[in-house]
Amino acid sequence: MKNGKAYTAVLFLLLLVGISNSNYGQTELKFNAASALLLIPNVGIEIPISERFSFQMDLSGSFWDSFDGKPLQFTQAFGEVRYYGKTDISGFFFGGNVGFGMFTLTKYGYDEDVYQSGRNYYIGASIGYKKRLSDRWALELFLGGGTSQATYRAYSQETRMRIDIPLDEDRSFNKSGEWIPYRGGLMLVYSLR
């Protein structure tokens, strides 16, 4: 059953790419040069859906078992609908996004010996500017943020034991929510022909 859902998603994406290429322009592949400097890959695909609107899907992840002595592991996937000021899907844009992620890291403000592991979702907006360099190449500067809602458990770095609840209590997850910037960078954009 899982394979059927995956095939359906791939077919839908291919259909969307085919429709967008024939009606509204070219699909673009993206690579975040800013996050790459931190060895955190972030790649995306943007598909025009009308003269001024596009749909972007991007993925990012960090796979550091130890960064400054603490784990920094996360994966994130975002879908975003964007509105551009120009009809060639360039210039200033703003968009609304929804994302999902998993993490194992030390949250801001916690003791160095503690790390959290859990899942979260994001709802927010982005703003940015895409500059065309040629028919195929562009640069895109962007920043996004909003609410991040997480469920997680806290563990001791030294013992790897859960430390956020007494042993005789329910083993449910902690919950937290913040308004934070959670996306950004400088994308190198390549337009498919």
Protein backbone atom coordinates (compact mmCIF):
# COMPACT_ATOMS: atom_id res chain seq x y z
CA MET A 1 0.00 0.00 0.00
CA LYS A 2 2.86 2.40 0.79
CA ASN A 3 4.36 1.88 -2.67
CA GLY A 4 1.02 2.74 -4.27
CA LYS A 5 0.93 6.08 -2.45
CA ALA A 6 4.53 6.83 -3.47
CA TYR A 7 3.79 6.04 -7.13
CA THR A 8 0.69 8.25 -7.01
CA ALA A 9 2.71 11.15 -5.56
CA VAL A 10 5.44 10.77 -8.22
CA LEU A 11 2.84 10.61 -11.02
CA PHE A 12 1.10 13.73 -9.66
CA LEU A 13 4.42 15.61 -9.51
CA LEU A 14 5.32 14.58 -13.08
CA LEU A 15 1.88 15.67 -14.29
CA LEU A 16 2.28 19.02 -12.52
CA VAL A 17 5.74 19.49 -14.06
CA GLY A 18 4.38 18.66 -17.53
CA ILE A 19 1.47 21.08 -17.22
CA SER A 20 3.65 23.87 -15.86
CA ASN A 21 6.29 23.48 -18.56
CA SER A 22 3.77 23.67 -21.38
CA ASN A 23 1.69 26.56 -20.02
CA TYR A 24 3.62 28.84 -17.69
CA GLY A 25 7.36 28.45 -17.97
CA GLN A 26 10.14 26.27 -16.80
CA THR A 27 10.59 24.14 -13.73
CA GLU A 28 13.57 25.23 -11.63
CA LEU A 29 15.96 23.19 -9.54
CA LYS A 30 17.52 24.92 -6.51
CA PHE A 31 20.51 24.47 -4.22
CA ASN A 32 21.06 26.59 -1.09
CA ALA A 33 24.65 27.84 -1.22
CA ALA A 34 24.44 29.48 2.23
CA SER A 35 23.39 26.31 4.09
CA ALA A 36 25.94 24.27 2.09
CA LEU A 37 28.71 26.30 3.77
CA LEU A 38 27.52 24.78 7.09
CA LEU A 39 27.36 21.31 5.47
CA ILE A 40 23.56 21.33 5.75
CA PRO A 41 22.12 20.44 2.33
CA ASN A 42 18.95 22.23 1.19
CA VAL A 43 17.53 21.46 -2.27
CA GLY A 44 14.27 22.38 -3.92
CA ILE A 45 12.11 22.41 -7.01
CA GLU A 46 9.89 25.30 -8.07
CA ILE A 47 7.06 24.82 -10.56
CA PRO A 48 5.20 27.79 -12.09
CA ILE A 49 1.42 27.32 -11.84
CA SER A 50 0.38 30.62 -13.43
CA GLU A 51 2.03 33.84 -14.66
CA ARG A 52 2.75 35.10 -11.15
CA PHE A 53 2.24 32.07 -8.88
CA SER A 54 4.45 29.06 -8.29
CA PHE A 55 4.64 26.02 -6.05
CA GLN A 56 7.94 25.15 -4.39
CA MET A 57 8.90 21.98 -2.55
CA ASP A 58 12.20 21.87 -0.69
CA LEU A 59 14.05 19.55 1.66
CA SER A 60 16.88 20.19 4.09
CA GLY A 61 18.75 18.13 6.62
CA SER A 62 21.59 18.16 9.09
CA PHE A 63 23.26 14.91 10.00
CA TRP A 64 25.80 16.02 12.61
CA ASP A 65 26.18 13.45 15.41
CA SER A 66 28.17 16.08 17.26
CA PHE A 67 28.33 19.80 16.55
CA ASP A 68 30.18 21.66 19.30
CA GLY A 69 29.74 18.56 21.46
CA LYS A 70 25.95 18.35 20.95
CA PRO A 71 23.81 16.49 18.41
CA LEU A 72 22.45 18.57 15.52
CA GLN A 73 20.29 16.26 13.44
CA PHE A 74 17.16 17.37 11.62
CA THR A 75 15.22 16.87 8.44
CA GLN A 76 12.61 19.31 7.12
CA ALA A 77 10.26 19.31 4.15
CA PHE A 78 8.34 22.42 3.03
CA GLY A 79 5.66 23.15 0.49
CA GLU A 80 5.15 26.80 -0.42
CA VAL A 81 2.88 28.77 -2.75
CA ARG A 82 4.53 31.99 -3.94
CA TYR A 83 3.31 35.19 -5.55
CA TYR A 84 5.80 37.13 -7.73
CA GLY A 85 5.66 40.78 -8.74
CA LYS A 86 6.83 39.95 -12.29
CA THR A 87 5.19 37.63 -14.78
CA ASP A 88 8.41 35.67 -15.43
CA ILE A 89 8.50 34.30 -11.85
CA SER A 90 11.30 36.65 -10.78
CA GLY A 91 11.79 39.79 -8.71
CA PHE A 92 10.26 40.25 -5.25
CA PHE A 93 8.01 37.48 -3.94
CA PHE A 94 6.13 36.43 -0.86
CA GLY A 95 4.62 33.09 -0.05
CA GLY A 96 2.86 30.95 2.50
CA ASN A 97 4.36 27.65 3.59
CA VAL A 98 3.69 24.50 5.55
CA GLY A 99 6.45 22.18 6.69
CA PHE A 100 7.16 19.06 8.70
CA GLY A 101 10.33 17.88 10.39
CA MET A 102 12.13 15.56 12.80
CA PHE A 103 14.97 16.56 15.10
CA THR A 104 17.53 15.48 17.68
CA LEU A 105 19.30 18.56 19.06
CA THR A 106 19.77 20.79 22.08
CA LYS A 107 17.02 23.40 22.06
CA TYR A 108 17.99 27.01 22.76
CA GLY A 109 18.26 27.80 26.47
CA TYR A 110 18.74 24.22 27.67
CA ASP A 111 21.65 22.76 29.65
CA GLU A 112 24.50 21.45 27.48
CA ASP A 113 24.03 17.92 28.87
CA VAL A 114 20.41 17.77 27.63
CA TYR A 115 19.13 17.12 24.13
CA GLN A 116 15.63 16.79 22.71
CA SER A 117 14.33 14.37 20.10
CA GLY A 118 10.97 14.72 18.40
CA ARG A 119 8.83 15.96 15.54
CA ASN A 120 7.45 19.34 14.54
CA TYR A 121 5.38 21.17 11.99
CA TYR A 122 5.64 24.71 10.68
CA ILE A 123 3.15 27.23 9.33
CA GLY A 124 4.44 30.56 8.12
CA ALA A 125 5.47 32.90 5.34
CA SER A 126 8.53 33.76 3.26
CA ILE A 127 9.76 36.86 1.50
CA GLY A 128 12.57 37.12 -0.99
CA TYR A 129 13.99 38.28 -4.29
CA LYS A 130 14.94 36.22 -7.36
CA LYS A 131 17.39 37.79 -9.84
CA ARG A 132 17.66 36.26 -13.31
CA LEU A 133 21.30 35.96 -14.45
CA SER A 134 20.52 34.29 -17.82
CA ASP A 135 17.80 32.15 -19.42
CA ARG A 136 18.82 29.19 -17.28
CA TRP A 137 20.45 30.64 -14.14
CA ALA A 138 19.20 32.81 -11.28
CA LEU A 139 20.01 33.69 -7.67
CA GLU A 140 17.35 33.81 -4.98
CA LEU A 141 17.72 35.42 -1.55
CA PHE A 142 14.94 34.49 0.90
CA LEU A 143 13.91 34.41 4.57
CA GLY A 144 10.95 32.65 6.12
CA GLY A 145 9.47 32.07 9.53
CA GLY A 146 6.32 31.54 11.51
CA THR A 147 5.13 29.14 14.15
CA SER A 148 6.90 25.89 14.97
CA GLN A 149 4.90 23.39 17.02
CA ALA A 150 6.89 20.46 18.43
CA THR A 151 6.37 17.26 20.37
CA TYR A 152 9.56 15.85 21.90
CA ARG A 153 11.27 14.00 24.71
CA ALA A 154 14.38 15.19 26.59
CA TYR A 155 17.41 12.99 27.24
CA SER A 156 20.71 13.18 29.11
CA GLN A 157 23.66 13.46 26.75
CA GLU A 158 25.79 11.37 29.12
CA THR A 159 23.40 8.51 29.98
CA ARG A 160 21.01 8.67 26.97
CA MET A 161 18.17 8.19 29.49
CA ARG A 162 14.99 10.23 29.42
CA ILE A 163 15.16 12.98 32.05
CA ASP A 164 12.09 15.16 31.56
CA ILE A 165 9.61 13.09 33.63
CA PRO A 166 9.76 10.93 36.76
CA LEU A 167 10.04 7.22 35.91
CA ASP A 168 6.60 6.37 37.37
CA GLU A 169 4.68 8.89 35.23
CA ASP A 170 3.15 8.67 31.76
CA ARG A 171 5.67 8.45 28.91
CA SER A 172 3.91 11.06 26.77
CA PHE A 173 5.68 13.76 24.79
CA ASN A 174 6.47 17.33 25.83
CA LYS A 175 5.01 20.05 23.64
CA SER A 176 6.32 23.47 22.72
CA GLY A 177 5.51 26.21 20.28
CA GLU A 178 7.55 29.19 19.17
CA TRP A 179 7.44 31.98 16.62
CA ILE A 180 10.83 31.73 14.93
CA PRO A 181 12.69 32.24 11.65
CA TYR A 182 13.13 28.73 10.24
CA ARG A 183 14.12 29.12 6.58
CA GLY A 184 16.54 31.24 4.67
CA GLY A 185 19.53 31.45 2.42
CA LEU A 186 20.86 32.09 -1.02
CA MET A 187 19.60 29.64 -3.62
CA LEU A 188 21.44 28.91 -6.84
CA VAL A 189 18.63 28.32 -9.36
CA TYR A 190 18.81 26.31 -12.59
CA SER A 191 15.89 26.35 -15.05
CA LEU A 192 15.14 23.10 -16.89
CA ARG A 193 14.53 23.29 -20.66
